[in-house]
C-alpha atoms as a PDB file:
ATOM      1  CA  MET A   1     -85.765  -5.219 -64.716  1.00  0.00           C
ATOM      2  CA  ILE A   2     -85.607  -6.559 -61.159  1.00  0.00           C
ATOM      3  CA  SER A   3     -84.989  -3.920 -58.503  1.00  0.00           C
ATOM      4  CA  ARG A   4     -81.850  -4.401 -56.418  1.00  0.00           C
ATOM      5  CA  LEU A   5     -80.911  -2.994 -53.058  1.00  0.00           C
ATOM      6  CA  PHE A   6     -77.481  -3.152 -51.446  1.00  0.00           C
ATOM      7  CA  LEU A   7     -77.237  -2.559 -47.700  1.00  0.00           C
ATOM      8  CA  VAL A   8     -73.802  -1.986 -46.171  1.00  0.00           C
ATOM      9  CA  LYS A   9     -73.416  -1.914 -42.397  1.00  0.00           C
ATOM     10  CA  SER A  10     -70.508   0.342 -41.469  1.00  0.00           C
ATOM     11  CA  SER A  11     -69.592   0.003 -37.814  1.00  0.00           C
ATOM     12  CA  THR A  12     -67.091   2.891 -37.852  1.00  0.00           C
ATOM     13  CA  SER A  13     -68.322   5.512 -40.377  1.00  0.00           C
ATOM     14  CA  HIS A  14     -68.909   8.883 -38.754  1.00  0.00           C
ATOM     15  CA  THR A  15     -72.463  10.116 -38.287  1.00  0.00           C
ATOM     16  CA  ALA A  16     -71.655  13.829 -38.521  1.00  0.00           C
ATOM     17  CA  ALA A  17     -69.782  16.009 -40.996  1.00  0.00           C
ATOM     18  CA  ASP A  18     -66.791  16.184 -38.650  1.00  0.00           C
ATOM     19  CA  PHE A  19     -64.135  14.778 -40.969  1.00  0.00           C
ATOM     20  CA  ASN A  20     -61.598  16.198 -43.394  1.00  0.00           C
ATOM     21  CA  ILE A  21     -62.202  15.345 -47.046  1.00  0.00           C
ATOM     22  CA  LYS A  22     -58.457  15.653 -47.729  1.00  0.00           C
ATOM     23  CA  SER A  23     -57.890  12.713 -45.374  1.00  0.00           C
ATOM     24  CA  PHE A  24     -61.255  11.119 -46.051  1.00  0.00           C
ATOM     25  CA  ALA A  25     -60.518   7.487 -45.178  1.00  0.00           C
ATOM     26  CA  SER A  26     -58.649   8.089 -41.917  1.00  0.00           C
ATOM     27  CA  SER A  27     -60.723  10.974 -40.552  1.00  0.00           C
ATOM     28  CA  SER A  28     -64.217   9.663 -41.372  1.00  0.00           C
ATOM     29  CA  GLY A  29     -64.039   6.223 -39.787  1.00  0.00           C
ATOM     30  CA  ARG A  30     -63.548   4.631 -43.218  1.00  0.00           C
ATOM     31  CA  MET A  31     -66.562   6.220 -44.850  1.00  0.00           C
ATOM     32  CA  ASP A  32     -64.540   5.828 -48.040  1.00  0.00           C
ATOM     33  CA  VAL A  33     -65.860   2.249 -48.024  1.00  0.00           C
ATOM     34  CA  ILE A  34     -69.388   3.658 -48.216  1.00  0.00           C
ATOM     35  CA  ALA A  35     -68.421   6.112 -50.960  1.00  0.00           C
ATOM     36  CA  ARG A  36     -66.905   3.382 -53.134  1.00  0.00           C
ATOM     37  CA  ALA A  37     -69.892   1.124 -52.489  1.00  0.00           C
ATOM     38  CA  ILE A  38     -72.271   3.868 -53.668  1.00  0.00           C
ATOM     39  CA  ILE A  39     -70.319   4.213 -56.910  1.00  0.00           C
ATOM     40  CA  SER A  40     -70.233   0.440 -57.453  1.00  0.00           C
ATOM     41  CA  ALA A  41     -73.940   0.062 -56.751  1.00  0.00           C
ATOM     42  CA  LEU A  42     -75.241   2.921 -58.866  1.00  0.00           C
ATOM     43  CA  ARG A  43     -72.733   3.858 -61.552  1.00  0.00           C
ATOM     44  CA  LEU A  44     -72.232   2.440 -65.003  1.00  0.00           C
ATOM     45  CA  ARG A  45     -69.549   3.795 -67.322  1.00  0.00           C
ATOM     46  CA  ASN A  46     -71.894   6.323 -68.895  1.00  0.00           C
ATOM     47  CA  ASN A  47     -75.147   5.919 -67.020  1.00  0.00           C
ATOM     48  CA  ILE A  48     -76.853   5.356 -63.662  1.00  0.00           C
ATOM     49  CA  ARG A  49     -78.502   2.126 -62.573  1.00  0.00           C
ATOM     50  CA  LYS A  50     -82.084   3.301 -62.142  1.00  0.00           C
ATOM     51  CA  ASN A  51     -83.187  -0.036 -60.680  1.00  0.00           C
ATOM     52  CA  VAL A  52     -80.713   0.083 -57.773  1.00  0.00           C
ATOM     53  CA  THR A  53     -80.995   1.589 -54.290  1.00  0.00           C
ATOM     54  CA  PHE A  54     -78.005   1.809 -51.967  1.00  0.00           C
ATOM     55  CA  LEU A  55     -78.436   1.770 -48.184  1.00  0.00           C
ATOM     56  CA  GLY A  56     -75.599   2.552 -45.810  1.00  0.00           C
ATOM     57  CA  VAL A  57     -76.033   2.156 -42.057  1.00  0.00           C
ATOM     58  CA  LEU A  58     -73.501   4.361 -40.255  1.00  0.00           C
ATOM     59  CA  GLU A  59     -72.705   3.370 -36.675  1.00  0.00           C
ATOM     60  CA  GLY A  60     -69.678   5.491 -35.846  1.00  0.00           C
ATOM     61  CA  PRO A  61     -69.450   8.614 -33.647  1.00  0.00           C
ATOM     62  CA  PRO A  62     -70.840  10.990 -32.640  1.00  0.00           C
ATOM     63  CA  ASP A  63     -74.553  10.299 -33.202  1.00  0.00           C
ATOM     64  CA  PRO A  64     -75.360   6.766 -34.411  1.00  0.00           C
ATOM     65  CA  PRO A  65     -77.215   5.236 -36.055  1.00  0.00           C
ATOM     66  CA  LYS A  66     -77.787   7.022 -39.348  1.00  0.00           C
ATOM     67  CA  LEU A  67     -79.083   5.518 -42.581  1.00  0.00           C
ATOM     68  CA  ILE A  68     -78.011   6.908 -45.943  1.00  0.00           C
ATOM     69  CA  ARG A  69     -80.299   6.014 -48.822  1.00  0.00           C
ATOM     70  CA  ALA A  70     -79.233   6.680 -52.433  1.00  0.00           C
ATOM     71  CA  CYS A  71     -81.931   5.994 -55.019  1.00  0.00           C
ATOM     72  CA  GLY A  72     -80.890   5.404 -58.603  1.00  0.00           C
ATOM     73  CA  GLU A  73     -84.309   6.277 -59.998  1.00  0.00           C
ATOM     74  CA  GLU A  74     -84.054   9.769 -58.460  1.00  0.00           C
ATOM     75  CA  LEU A  75     -80.527  10.531 -59.643  1.00  0.00           C
ATOM     76  CA  HIS A  76     -79.760  12.487 -62.804  1.00  0.00           C
ATOM     77  CA  TYR A  77     -76.024  12.460 -62.123  1.00  0.00           C
ATOM     78  CA  LEU A  78     -73.612  10.652 -59.837  1.00  0.00           C
ATOM     79  CA  PRO A  79     -69.859  11.325 -59.793  1.00  0.00           C
ATOM     80  CA  ASP A  80     -67.508   8.400 -60.244  1.00  0.00           C
ATOM     81  CA  CYS A  81     -64.954   9.998 -57.917  1.00  0.00           C
ATOM     82  CA  GLU A  82     -64.751   8.997 -54.248  1.00  0.00           C
ATOM     83  CA  ILE A  83     -63.939  12.553 -53.112  1.00  0.00           C
ATOM     84  CA  GLU A  84     -66.954  13.985 -54.953  1.00  0.00           C
ATOM     85  CA  ILE A  85     -69.148  11.403 -53.224  1.00  0.00           C
ATOM     86  CA  ALA A  86     -67.548  12.462 -49.932  1.00  0.00           C
ATOM     87  CA  LYS A  87     -68.675  16.040 -50.603  1.00  0.00           C
ATOM     88  CA  ILE A  88     -72.223  14.803 -51.146  1.00  0.00           C
ATOM     89  CA  LEU A  89     -72.126  12.867 -47.864  1.00  0.00           C
ATOM     90  CA  VAL A  90     -70.800  15.905 -45.988  1.00  0.00           C
ATOM     91  CA  SER A  91     -73.633  18.028 -47.366  1.00  0.00           C
ATOM     92  CA  LEU A  92     -76.188  15.378 -46.452  1.00  0.00           C
ATOM     93  CA  LEU A  93     -74.854  15.024 -42.898  1.00  0.00           C
ATOM     94  CA  LYS A  94     -75.029  18.811 -42.523  1.00  0.00           C
ATOM     95  CA  GLY A  95     -78.768  18.595 -43.139  1.00  0.00           C
ATOM     96  CA  ASN A  96     -78.813  19.814 -46.728  1.00  0.00           C
ATOM     97  CA  ASN A  97     -81.099  18.388 -49.394  1.00  0.00           C
ATOM     98  CA  VAL A  98     -79.248  16.386 -52.035  1.00  0.00           C
ATOM     99  CA  ARG A  99     -81.195  15.029 -54.993  1.00  0.00           C
ATOM    100  CA  GLY A 100     -81.429  11.246 -54.850  1.00  0.00           C
ATOM    101  CA  PHE A 101     -79.967  11.011 -51.335  1.00  0.00           C
ATOM    102  CA  HIS A 102     -81.861  10.711 -48.048  1.00  0.00           C
ATOM    103  CA  LEU A 103     -80.709  10.634 -44.426  1.00  0.00           C
ATOM    104  CA  GLU A 104     -82.750   8.841 -41.771  1.00  0.00           C
ATOM    105  CA  ARG A 105     -82.295   7.709 -38.198  1.00  0.00           C
ATOM    106  CA  LYS A 106     -82.635   3.960 -38.486  1.00  0.00           C
ATOM    107  CA  SER A 107     -80.577   1.128 -37.073  1.00  0.00           C
ATOM    108  CA  PHE A 108     -79.363  -1.949 -38.908  1.00  0.00           C
ATOM    109  CA  LYS A 109     -81.881  -4.209 -37.176  1.00  0.00           C
ATOM    110  CA  THR A 110     -84.750  -1.768 -37.742  1.00  0.00           C
ATOM    111  CA  ILE A 111     -84.221  -1.463 -41.487  1.00  0.00           C
ATOM    112  CA  ILE A 112     -83.615  -5.205 -41.963  1.00  0.00           C
ATOM    113  CA  THR A 113     -86.753  -6.009 -39.959  1.00  0.00           C
ATOM    114  CA  GLU A 114     -88.800  -3.667 -42.163  1.00  0.00           C
ATOM    115  CA  PHE A 115     -87.645  -5.474 -45.291  1.00  0.00           C
ATOM    116  CA  PHE A 116     -87.934  -8.910 -43.662  1.00  0.00           C
ATOM    117  CA  GLU A 117     -91.575  -8.301 -42.756  1.00  0.00           C
ATOM    118  CA  SER A 118     -92.443  -7.091 -46.260  1.00  0.00           C
ATOM    119  CA  SER A 119     -93.563  -9.563 -48.922  1.00  0.00           C
ATOM    120  CA  GLU A 120     -91.975  -7.385 -51.629  1.00  0.00           C
ATOM    121  CA  TYR A 121     -88.372  -8.321 -50.848  1.00  0.00           C
ATOM    122  CA  ALA A 122     -86.121 -11.358 -51.038  1.00  0.00           C
ATOM    123  CA  ILE A 123     -83.177 -10.813 -48.677  1.00  0.00           C
ATOM    124  CA  TYR A 124     -79.700 -12.328 -48.969  1.00  0.00           C
ATOM    125  CA  TYR A 125     -76.545 -12.064 -46.893  1.00  0.00           C
ATOM    126  CA  LEU A 126     -73.260 -12.095 -48.807  1.00  0.00           C
ATOM    127  CA  GLU A 127     -70.730 -14.308 -47.046  1.00  0.00           C
ATOM    128  CA  LYS A 128     -68.013 -16.729 -48.172  1.00  0.00           C
ATOM    129  CA  ASP A 129     -69.675 -19.858 -46.735  1.00  0.00           C
ATOM    130  CA  GLY A 130     -72.976 -19.426 -48.600  1.00  0.00           C
ATOM    131  CA  VAL A 131     -74.501 -20.923 -51.738  1.00  0.00           C
ATOM    132  CA  ASP A 132     -72.681 -20.118 -54.989  1.00  0.00           C
ATOM    133  CA  ILE A 133     -74.426 -17.088 -56.510  1.00  0.00           C
ATOM    134  CA  ARG A 134     -74.414 -18.873 -59.883  1.00  0.00           C
ATOM    135  CA  LYS A 135     -76.425 -21.729 -58.398  1.00  0.00           C
ATOM    136  CA  ALA A 136     -78.868 -19.511 -56.515  1.00  0.00           C
ATOM    137  CA  SER A 137     -82.421 -19.036 -57.738  1.00  0.00           C
ATOM    138  CA  PHE A 138     -83.678 -15.464 -57.481  1.00  0.00           C
ATOM    139  CA  PRO A 139     -87.424 -14.747 -57.611  1.00  0.00           C
ATOM    140  CA  SER A 140     -88.498 -12.580 -60.540  1.00  0.00           C
ATOM    141  CA  ASP A 141     -91.465 -11.101 -58.674  1.00  0.00           C
ATOM    142  CA  LYS A 142     -89.556  -9.614 -55.723  1.00  0.00           C
ATOM    143  CA  LYS A 143     -87.008  -6.875 -55.133  1.00  0.00           C
ATOM    144  CA  LEU A 144     -83.613  -8.300 -54.178  1.00  0.00           C
ATOM    145  CA  LEU A 145     -81.826  -6.990 -51.084  1.00  0.00           C
ATOM    146  CA  PHE A 146     -78.184  -7.915 -50.464  1.00  0.00           C
ATOM    147  CA  ILE A 147     -76.593  -7.344 -47.040  1.00  0.00           C
ATOM    148  CA  LEU A 148     -72.848  -6.696 -46.793  1.00  0.00           C
ATOM    149  CA  GLY A 149     -70.387  -5.759 -44.092  1.00  0.00           C
ATOM    150  CA  ASP A 150     -67.764  -3.035 -44.342  1.00  0.00           C
ATOM    151  CA  HIS A 151     -63.967  -3.499 -44.277  1.00  0.00           C
ATOM    152  CA  LEU A 152     -64.363  -5.235 -40.892  1.00  0.00           C
ATOM    153  CA  GLY A 153     -67.252  -7.449 -41.962  1.00  0.00           C
ATOM    154  CA  LEU A 154     -70.377  -7.819 -39.866  1.00  0.00           C
ATOM    155  CA  ASP A 155     -69.949  -7.965 -36.105  1.00  0.00           C
ATOM    156  CA  VAL A 156     -70.627 -11.324 -34.448  1.00  0.00           C
ATOM    157  CA  GLU A 157     -73.946 -10.250 -32.903  1.00  0.00           C
ATOM    158  CA  SER A 158     -75.366  -8.915 -36.183  1.00  0.00           C
ATOM    159  CA  GLU A 159     -74.277 -11.975 -38.139  1.00  0.00           C
ATOM    160  CA  LYS A 160     -75.819 -14.323 -35.564  1.00  0.00           C
ATOM    161  CA  TRP A 161     -79.065 -12.323 -35.716  1.00  0.00           C
ATOM    162  CA  ILE A 162     -79.164 -12.597 -39.528  1.00  0.00           C
ATOM    163  CA  ARG A 163     -78.498 -16.327 -39.388  1.00  0.00           C
ATOM    164  CA  ASP A 164     -81.202 -16.737 -36.723  1.00  0.00           C
ATOM    165  CA  LEU A 165     -83.646 -15.068 -39.127  1.00  0.00           C
ATOM    166  CA  LYS A 166     -82.753 -17.803 -41.646  1.00  0.00           C
ATOM    167  CA  ILE A 167     -81.848 -15.215 -44.266  1.00  0.00           C
ATOM    168  CA  PRO A 168     -80.275 -17.111 -47.201  1.00  0.00           C
ATOM    169  CA  ILE A 169     -76.502 -16.772 -47.505  1.00  0.00           C
ATOM    170  CA  ILE A 170     -74.966 -16.204 -50.938  1.00  0.00           C
ATOM    171  CA  SER A 171     -71.276 -16.688 -51.740  1.00  0.00           C
ATOM    172  CA  LEU A 172     -69.213 -14.983 -54.438  1.00  0.00           C
ATOM    173  CA  GLY A 173     -66.457 -17.567 -54.146  1.00  0.00           C
ATOM    174  CA  PRO A 174     -63.607 -18.618 -51.863  1.00  0.00           C
ATOM    175  CA  LYS A 175     -61.845 -15.252 -51.697  1.00  0.00           C
ATOM    176  CA  PHE A 176     -62.520 -12.194 -49.541  1.00  0.00           C
ATOM    177  CA  TYR A 177     -63.301  -9.170 -51.729  1.00  0.00           C
ATOM    178  CA  PHE A 178     -63.659  -5.482 -50.983  1.00  0.00           C
ATOM    179  CA  THR A 179     -67.245  -4.424 -50.239  1.00  0.00           C
ATOM    180  CA  SER A 180     -67.440  -2.341 -53.412  1.00  0.00           C
ATOM    181  CA  HIS A 181     -66.093  -5.242 -55.493  1.00  0.00           C
ATOM    182  CA  CYS A 182     -68.762  -7.555 -54.054  1.00  0.00           C
ATOM    183  CA  ILE A 183     -71.444  -5.133 -55.211  1.00  0.00           C
ATOM    184  CA  THR A 184     -69.916  -4.949 -58.692  1.00  0.00           C
ATOM    185  CA  ILE A 185     -69.840  -8.753 -58.902  1.00  0.00           C
ATOM    186  CA  VAL A 186     -73.486  -9.092 -57.837  1.00  0.00           C
ATOM    187  CA  ASN A 187     -74.571  -6.436 -60.327  1.00  0.00           C
ATOM    188  CA  GLU A 188     -72.649  -8.216 -63.085  1.00  0.00           C
ATOM    189  CA  GLU A 189     -74.090 -11.628 -62.204  1.00  0.00           C
ATOM    190  CA  LEU A 190     -77.649 -10.276 -62.204  1.00  0.00           C
ATOM    191  CA  ASP A 191     -77.002  -8.425 -65.467  1.00  0.00           C
ATOM    192  CA  ARG A 192     -75.847 -11.713 -67.009  1.00  0.00           C
ATOM    193  CA  LEU A 193     -78.943 -13.545 -65.771  1.00  0.00           C
ATOM    194  CA  LYS A 194     -81.141 -10.934 -67.426  1.00  0.00           C
ATOM    195  CA  PHE A 195     -79.091 -10.793 -70.639  1.00  0.00           C
ATOM    196  CA  PHE A 196     -78.774 -14.539 -71.198  1.00  0.00           C
ATOM    197  CA  SER A 197     -82.272 -15.569 -70.052  1.00  0.00           C
END
Protein backbone atom coordinates (compact mmCIF):
# COMPACT_ATOMS: atom_id res chain seq x y z
CA MET A 1 0.00 0.00 0.00
CA ILE A 2 1.30 3.44 -0.95
CA SER A 3 2.66 5.48 1.96
CA ARG A 4 0.92 8.79 2.59
CA LEU A 5 2.07 11.84 4.47
CA PHE A 6 -0.07 14.81 5.46
CA LEU A 7 1.68 18.05 6.39
CA VAL A 8 -0.35 20.79 8.07
CA LYS A 9 1.18 24.23 8.55
CA SER A 10 -0.33 25.86 11.63
CA SER A 11 0.61 29.52 11.86
CA THR A 12 -0.89 30.00 15.35
CA SER A 13 -0.50 26.70 17.28
CA HIS A 14 1.53 27.14 20.45
CA THR A 15 5.03 25.70 20.61
CA ALA A 16 5.06 25.08 24.37
CA ALA A 17 2.75 23.30 26.80
CA ASP A 18 1.41 26.64 28.03
CA PHE A 19 -2.28 26.11 27.29
CA ASN A 20 -5.29 24.83 29.20
CA ILE A 21 -6.75 21.57 27.92
CA LYS A 22 -10.18 22.58 29.26
CA SER A 23 -10.16 25.50 26.82
CA PHE A 24 -8.00 23.75 24.25
CA ALA A 25 -9.00 25.60 21.08
CA SER A 26 -8.85 29.14 22.46
CA SER A 27 -5.80 28.80 24.71
CA SER A 28 -3.54 26.80 22.36
CA GLY A 29 -3.67 28.98 19.27
CA ARG A 30 -6.11 26.55 17.62
CA MET A 31 -4.01 23.45 18.12
CA ASP A 32 -7.36 21.66 18.09
CA VAL A 33 -7.03 21.84 14.29
CA ILE A 34 -3.83 19.80 14.58
CA ALA A 35 -5.44 17.33 16.99
CA ARG A 36 -8.39 16.69 14.66
CA ALA A 37 -6.05 16.39 11.68
CA ILE A 38 -4.01 13.72 13.50
CA ILE A 39 -7.16 11.71 14.15
CA SER A 40 -8.33 12.07 10.54
CA ALA A 41 -4.94 11.10 9.14
CA LEU A 42 -4.24 8.08 11.31
CA ARG A 43 -7.46 6.67 12.73
CA LEU A 44 -9.88 4.19 11.26
CA ARG A 45 -12.98 3.08 13.16
CA ASN A 46 -11.21 0.14 14.75
CA ASN A 47 -7.63 0.40 13.55
CA ILE A 48 -4.68 2.67 12.78
CA ARG A 49 -3.47 3.56 9.30
CA LYS A 50 0.03 2.09 9.40
CA ASN A 51 0.93 3.57 6.01
CA VAL A 52 0.29 7.18 7.09
CA THR A 53 2.56 9.76 8.71
CA PHE A 54 1.21 13.07 9.99
CA LEU A 55 3.41 16.18 10.12
CA GLY A 56 2.35 19.35 11.89
CA VAL A 57 4.45 22.50 11.68
CA LEU A 58 3.68 24.73 14.67
CA GLU A 59 4.54 28.41 14.24
CA GLY A 60 2.85 30.04 17.22
CA PRO A 61 4.42 31.40 20.43
CA PRO A 62 6.61 31.15 22.37
CA ASP A 63 9.32 29.15 20.57
CA PRO A 64 8.63 28.48 16.87
CA PRO A 65 9.06 26.54 14.74
CA LYS A 66 8.33 23.05 16.01
CA LEU A 67 7.52 19.97 13.94
CA ILE A 68 5.28 17.24 15.32
CA ARG A 69 5.61 13.90 13.56
CA ALA A 70 3.10 11.10 14.23
CA CYS A 71 3.97 7.79 12.57
CA GLY A 72 1.21 5.26 12.04
CA GLU A 73 3.61 2.34 11.75
CA GLU A 74 4.91 3.05 15.27
CA LEU A 75 1.53 3.44 16.94
CA HIS A 76 -0.23 0.62 18.78
CA TYR A 77 -3.06 2.89 19.91
CA LEU A 78 -4.38 6.33 19.08
CA PRO A 79 -7.38 7.91 20.83
CA ASP A 80 -10.23 9.18 18.70
CA CYS A 81 -10.90 12.01 21.16
CA GLU A 82 -9.51 15.50 20.56
CA ILE A 83 -8.86 16.10 24.27
CA GLU A 84 -6.89 12.86 24.60
CA ILE A 85 -4.76 13.92 21.63
CA ALA A 86 -4.28 17.28 23.37
CA LYS A 87 -2.86 15.44 26.39
CA ILE A 88 -0.40 13.64 24.13
CA LEU A 89 0.69 16.94 22.57
CA VAL A 90 1.15 18.53 26.00
CA SER A 91 3.34 15.62 27.08
CA LEU A 92 5.36 15.83 23.88
CA LEU A 93 5.89 19.59 24.22
CA LYS A 94 7.06 19.04 27.80
CA GLY A 95 9.87 16.88 26.44
CA ASN A 96 8.42 13.48 27.31
CA ASN A 97 8.74 10.44 25.07
CA VAL A 98 5.45 9.39 23.50
CA ARG A 99 5.35 6.24 21.40
CA GLY A 100 4.78 7.05 17.74
CA PHE A 101 5.21 10.81 18.22
CA HIS A 102 8.35 12.89 17.64
CA LEU A 103 9.12 16.57 18.19
CA GLU A 104 11.74 18.34 16.09
CA ARG A 105 12.85 21.89 15.43
CA LYS A 106 12.17 22.28 11.74
CA SER A 107 10.50 25.02 9.76
CA PHE A 108 7.90 24.61 7.04
CA LYS A 109 10.37 25.47 4.28
CA THR A 110 13.06 23.18 5.72
CA ILE A 111 10.85 20.10 5.87
CA ILE A 112 9.28 20.74 2.44
CA THR A 113 12.73 21.25 0.91
CA GLU A 114 13.90 17.93 2.36
CA PHE A 115 11.00 16.10 0.74
CA PHE A 116 11.28 18.11 -2.49
CA GLU A 117 14.93 17.15 -2.91
CA SER A 118 14.23 13.46 -2.29
CA SER A 119 13.33 11.16 -5.19
CA GLU A 120 11.15 9.06 -2.86
CA TYR A 121 8.28 11.55 -2.63
CA ALA A 122 5.61 13.03 -4.87
CA ILE A 123 4.40 16.28 -3.30
CA TYR A 124 0.98 17.90 -3.74
CA TYR A 125 -0.61 21.06 -2.40
CA LEU A 126 -4.33 20.87 -1.61
CA GLU A 127 -6.09 23.99 -2.83
CA LYS A 128 -9.47 24.74 -4.43
CA ASP A 129 -8.06 25.90 -7.78
CA GLY A 130 -6.08 22.72 -8.49
CA VAL A 131 -6.66 19.62 -10.61
CA ASP A 132 -9.60 17.44 -9.57
CA ILE A 133 -8.20 14.70 -7.32
CA ARG A 134 -10.25 12.15 -9.28
CA LYS A 135 -8.46 13.14 -12.47
CA ALA A 136 -4.98 13.22 -10.93
CA SER A 137 -2.47 10.47 -11.62
CA PHE A 138 -0.50 9.38 -8.57
CA PRO A 139 2.76 7.44 -9.00
CA SER A 140 2.72 3.96 -7.49
CA ASP A 141 6.46 3.94 -6.80
CA LYS A 142 6.62 7.05 -4.59
CA LYS A 143 5.36 8.13 -1.19
CA LEU A 144 2.64 10.77 -1.47
CA LEU A 145 2.93 13.99 0.55
CA PHE A 146 -0.05 16.35 0.79
CA ILE A 147 0.40 19.92 2.07
CA LEU A 148 -2.50 21.67 3.81
CA GLY A 149 -3.05 24.92 5.64
CA ASP A 150 -4.79 25.30 8.99
CA HIS A 151 -8.07 27.15 9.67
CA LEU A 152 -6.47 30.28 8.17
CA GLY A 153 -5.04 28.53 5.13
CA LEU A 154 -1.46 29.03 4.02
CA ASP A 155 -0.02 32.52 4.30
CA VAL A 156 0.62 34.37 1.04
CA GLU A 157 4.41 34.00 1.20
CA SER A 158 4.31 30.23 1.80
CA GLU A 159 1.76 29.66 -0.95
CA LYS A 160 3.80 31.71 -3.44
CA TRP A 161 6.91 29.70 -2.50
CA ILE A 162 5.07 26.40 -3.09
CA ARG A 163 3.76 27.61 -6.44
CA ASP A 164 7.25 28.80 -7.41
CA LEU A 165 8.51 25.27 -6.73
CA LYS A 166 5.92 24.05 -9.28
CA ILE A 167 4.45 21.63 -6.75
CA PRO A 168 1.28 20.18 -8.33
CA ILE A 169 -1.99 21.53 -6.92
CA ILE A 170 -4.83 19.12 -6.19
CA SER A 171 -8.45 20.17 -5.63
CA LEU A 172 -11.13 18.39 -3.61
CA GLY A 173 -13.88 20.42 -5.24
CA PRO A 174 -15.41 23.90 -5.22
CA LYS A 175 -16.07 24.12 -1.48
CA PHE A 176 -13.78 25.05 1.40
CA TYR A 177 -13.52 22.16 3.88
CA PHE A 178 -12.04 21.87 7.35
CA THR A 179 -8.41 20.70 7.36
CA SER A 180 -9.33 17.41 9.03
CA HIS A 181 -12.13 16.82 6.50
CA CYS A 182 -9.68 17.36 3.63
CA ILE A 183 -7.44 14.65 5.05
CA THR A 184 -10.39 12.26 5.40
CA ILE A 185 -11.40 12.91 1.78
CA VAL A 186 -7.87 12.28 0.47
CA ASN A 187 -7.58 9.07 2.49
CA GLU A 188 -10.95 7.91 1.14
CA GLU A 189 -10.05 8.75 -2.47
CA LEU A 190 -6.75 6.87 -2.23
CA ASP A 191 -8.48 3.94 -0.53
CA ARG A 192 -10.93 3.80 -3.44
CA LEU A 193 -8.12 3.88 -6.00
CA LYS A 194 -6.49 0.91 -4.29
CA PHE A 195 -9.76 -1.00 -3.81
CA PHE A 196 -11.12 -0.55 -7.33
CA SER A 197 -7.84 -0.90 -9.25
